[in-house]
């Protein structure tokens, strides 16, 4: 997808956020909003996330 609007955080913080997401994977399952951000970061980080069902 094209980079129409810039993300809330730069790509430099992307891996750092991914790690935080992995640690809070249970929270993401409960919060669809978190899942939405997760999808955005998965694209940003080239799918660094090991496992996540959408």
N, C-alpha and C. Protein backbone atom coordinates (compact mmCIF):
# COMPACT_ATOMS: atom_id res chain seq x y z
N UNK A 1 0.83 -1.20 0.00
CA UNK A 1 0.00 0.00 0.00
C UNK A 1 0.87 1.26 0.00
N UNK A 2 0.37 2.31 -0.62
CA UNK A 2 1.14 3.55 -0.69
C UNK A 2 1.13 4.28 0.64
N UNK A 3 2.20 5.01 0.88
CA UNK A 3 2.29 5.76 2.13
C UNK A 3 1.54 7.09 1.99
N UNK A 4 0.22 7.04 2.02
CA UNK A 4 -0.58 8.26 1.89
C UNK A 4 -0.37 9.15 3.11
N UNK A 5 -0.77 8.66 4.27
CA UNK A 5 -0.59 9.44 5.49
C UNK A 5 0.51 8.82 6.33
N UNK A 6 1.37 9.65 6.89
CA UNK A 6 2.47 9.14 7.70
C UNK A 6 1.94 8.52 8.98
N UNK A 7 2.52 7.40 9.42
CA UNK A 7 2.10 6.69 10.63
C UNK A 7 2.36 7.53 11.88
N UNK A 8 1.70 7.18 12.99
CA UNK A 8 1.86 7.92 14.23
C UNK A 8 3.30 7.88 14.74
N UNK A 9 4.02 6.81 14.38
CA UNK A 9 5.42 6.69 14.82
C UNK A 9 6.30 6.34 13.62
N UNK A 10 7.52 6.83 13.60
CA UNK A 10 8.46 6.54 12.51
C UNK A 10 8.84 5.07 12.47
N UNK A 11 9.37 4.62 11.33
CA UNK A 11 9.75 3.22 11.19
C UNK A 11 10.83 2.81 12.17
N UNK A 12 11.61 3.78 12.63
CA UNK A 12 12.68 3.46 13.58
C UNK A 12 12.10 2.85 14.85
N UNK A 13 10.92 3.33 15.25
CA UNK A 13 10.29 2.81 16.46
C UNK A 13 9.45 1.57 16.16
N UNK A 14 9.37 1.22 14.90
CA UNK A 14 8.52 0.11 14.50
C UNK A 14 8.88 -1.19 15.21
N UNK A 15 10.13 -1.68 15.11
CA UNK A 15 10.50 -2.94 15.78
C UNK A 15 10.25 -2.87 17.27
N UNK A 16 10.50 -1.72 17.84
CA UNK A 16 10.30 -1.54 19.27
C UNK A 16 8.82 -1.72 19.61
N UNK A 17 7.96 -1.18 18.76
CA UNK A 17 6.52 -1.30 18.98
C UNK A 17 6.09 -2.75 18.79
N UNK A 18 6.64 -3.39 17.79
CA UNK A 18 6.31 -4.79 17.53
C UNK A 18 6.59 -5.64 18.76
N UNK A 19 7.74 -5.41 19.38
CA UNK A 19 8.09 -6.16 20.59
C UNK A 19 7.06 -5.93 21.68
N UNK A 20 6.64 -4.69 21.81
CA UNK A 20 5.63 -4.35 22.80
C UNK A 20 4.32 -5.04 22.47
N UNK A 21 3.99 -5.09 21.18
CA UNK A 21 2.77 -5.76 20.74
C UNK A 21 2.81 -7.24 21.09
N UNK A 22 3.96 -7.88 20.83
CA UNK A 22 4.10 -9.31 21.12
C UNK A 22 3.89 -9.58 22.60
N UNK A 23 4.44 -8.69 23.43
CA UNK A 23 4.30 -8.85 24.88
C UNK A 23 2.85 -8.67 25.32
N UNK A 24 2.10 -7.89 24.55
CA UNK A 24 0.72 -7.62 24.91
C UNK A 24 -0.25 -8.28 23.94
N UNK A 25 0.13 -9.46 23.43
CA UNK A 25 -0.69 -10.10 22.40
C UNK A 25 -2.06 -10.46 22.93
N UNK A 26 -2.18 -10.74 24.22
CA UNK A 26 -3.49 -11.04 24.80
C UNK A 26 -4.37 -9.80 24.77
N UNK A 27 -3.76 -8.67 25.08
CA UNK A 27 -4.50 -7.40 25.07
C UNK A 27 -5.03 -7.11 23.68
N UNK A 28 -4.21 -7.40 22.68
CA UNK A 28 -4.60 -7.13 21.30
C UNK A 28 -5.84 -7.95 20.94
N UNK A 29 -5.88 -9.19 21.36
CA UNK A 29 -7.02 -10.04 21.04
C UNK A 29 -8.30 -9.48 21.65
N UNK A 30 -8.16 -8.83 22.79
CA UNK A 30 -9.34 -8.28 23.45
C UNK A 30 -9.73 -6.94 22.84
N UNK A 31 -8.75 -6.22 22.34
CA UNK A 31 -9.02 -4.89 21.79
C UNK A 31 -8.86 -4.88 20.28
N UNK A 32 -9.95 -4.65 19.57
CA UNK A 32 -9.88 -4.62 18.11
C UNK A 32 -9.08 -3.41 17.63
N UNK A 33 -9.11 -2.35 18.42
CA UNK A 33 -8.35 -1.16 18.06
C UNK A 33 -6.86 -1.48 18.04
N UNK A 34 -6.42 -2.23 19.04
CA UNK A 34 -5.02 -2.64 19.10
C UNK A 34 -4.69 -3.51 17.89
N UNK A 35 -5.63 -4.37 17.52
CA UNK A 35 -5.43 -5.25 16.38
C UNK A 35 -5.26 -4.44 15.10
N UNK A 36 -6.00 -3.35 15.02
CA UNK A 36 -5.89 -2.47 13.86
C UNK A 36 -4.49 -1.88 13.77
N UNK A 37 -3.97 -1.41 14.91
CA UNK A 37 -2.62 -0.87 14.95
C UNK A 37 -1.62 -1.96 14.63
N UNK A 38 -1.89 -3.16 15.11
CA UNK A 38 -1.00 -4.29 14.86
C UNK A 38 -0.85 -4.52 13.37
N UNK A 39 -1.96 -4.52 12.66
CA UNK A 39 -1.92 -4.73 11.21
C UNK A 39 -1.06 -3.67 10.54
N UNK A 40 -1.21 -2.44 10.99
CA UNK A 40 -0.43 -1.34 10.40
C UNK A 40 1.06 -1.56 10.63
N UNK A 41 1.41 -1.98 11.83
CA UNK A 41 2.82 -2.18 12.15
C UNK A 41 3.36 -3.44 11.47
N UNK A 42 2.51 -4.44 11.24
CA UNK A 42 2.94 -5.64 10.53
C UNK A 42 3.42 -5.25 9.14
N UNK A 43 2.67 -4.36 8.51
CA UNK A 43 3.06 -3.90 7.18
C UNK A 43 4.32 -3.05 7.27
N UNK A 44 4.36 -2.21 8.31
CA UNK A 44 5.50 -1.31 8.49
C UNK A 44 6.78 -2.10 8.71
N UNK A 45 6.70 -3.15 9.48
CA UNK A 45 7.90 -3.93 9.83
C UNK A 45 8.08 -5.15 8.95
N UNK A 46 7.38 -5.19 7.82
CA UNK A 46 7.52 -6.32 6.91
C UNK A 46 7.15 -7.64 7.58
N UNK A 47 6.07 -7.60 8.37
CA UNK A 47 5.59 -8.82 9.02
C UNK A 47 6.63 -9.46 9.93
N UNK A 48 7.18 -8.67 10.83
CA UNK A 48 8.14 -9.21 11.79
C UNK A 48 7.42 -10.05 12.84
N UNK A 49 6.13 -9.77 13.03
CA UNK A 49 5.36 -10.50 14.04
C UNK A 49 5.36 -11.99 13.74
N UNK A 50 5.71 -12.82 14.72
CA UNK A 50 5.82 -14.26 14.54
C UNK A 50 4.48 -14.93 14.26
N UNK A 51 3.46 -14.61 15.04
CA UNK A 51 2.16 -15.25 14.83
C UNK A 51 1.03 -14.37 15.33
N UNK A 52 0.02 -14.20 14.49
CA UNK A 52 -1.16 -13.42 14.87
C UNK A 52 -2.29 -13.73 13.91
N UNK A 53 -3.41 -14.18 14.43
CA UNK A 53 -4.55 -14.47 13.56
C UNK A 53 -5.44 -13.24 13.44
N UNK A 54 -5.79 -12.91 12.21
CA UNK A 54 -6.63 -11.73 12.01
C UNK A 54 -8.06 -12.16 11.70
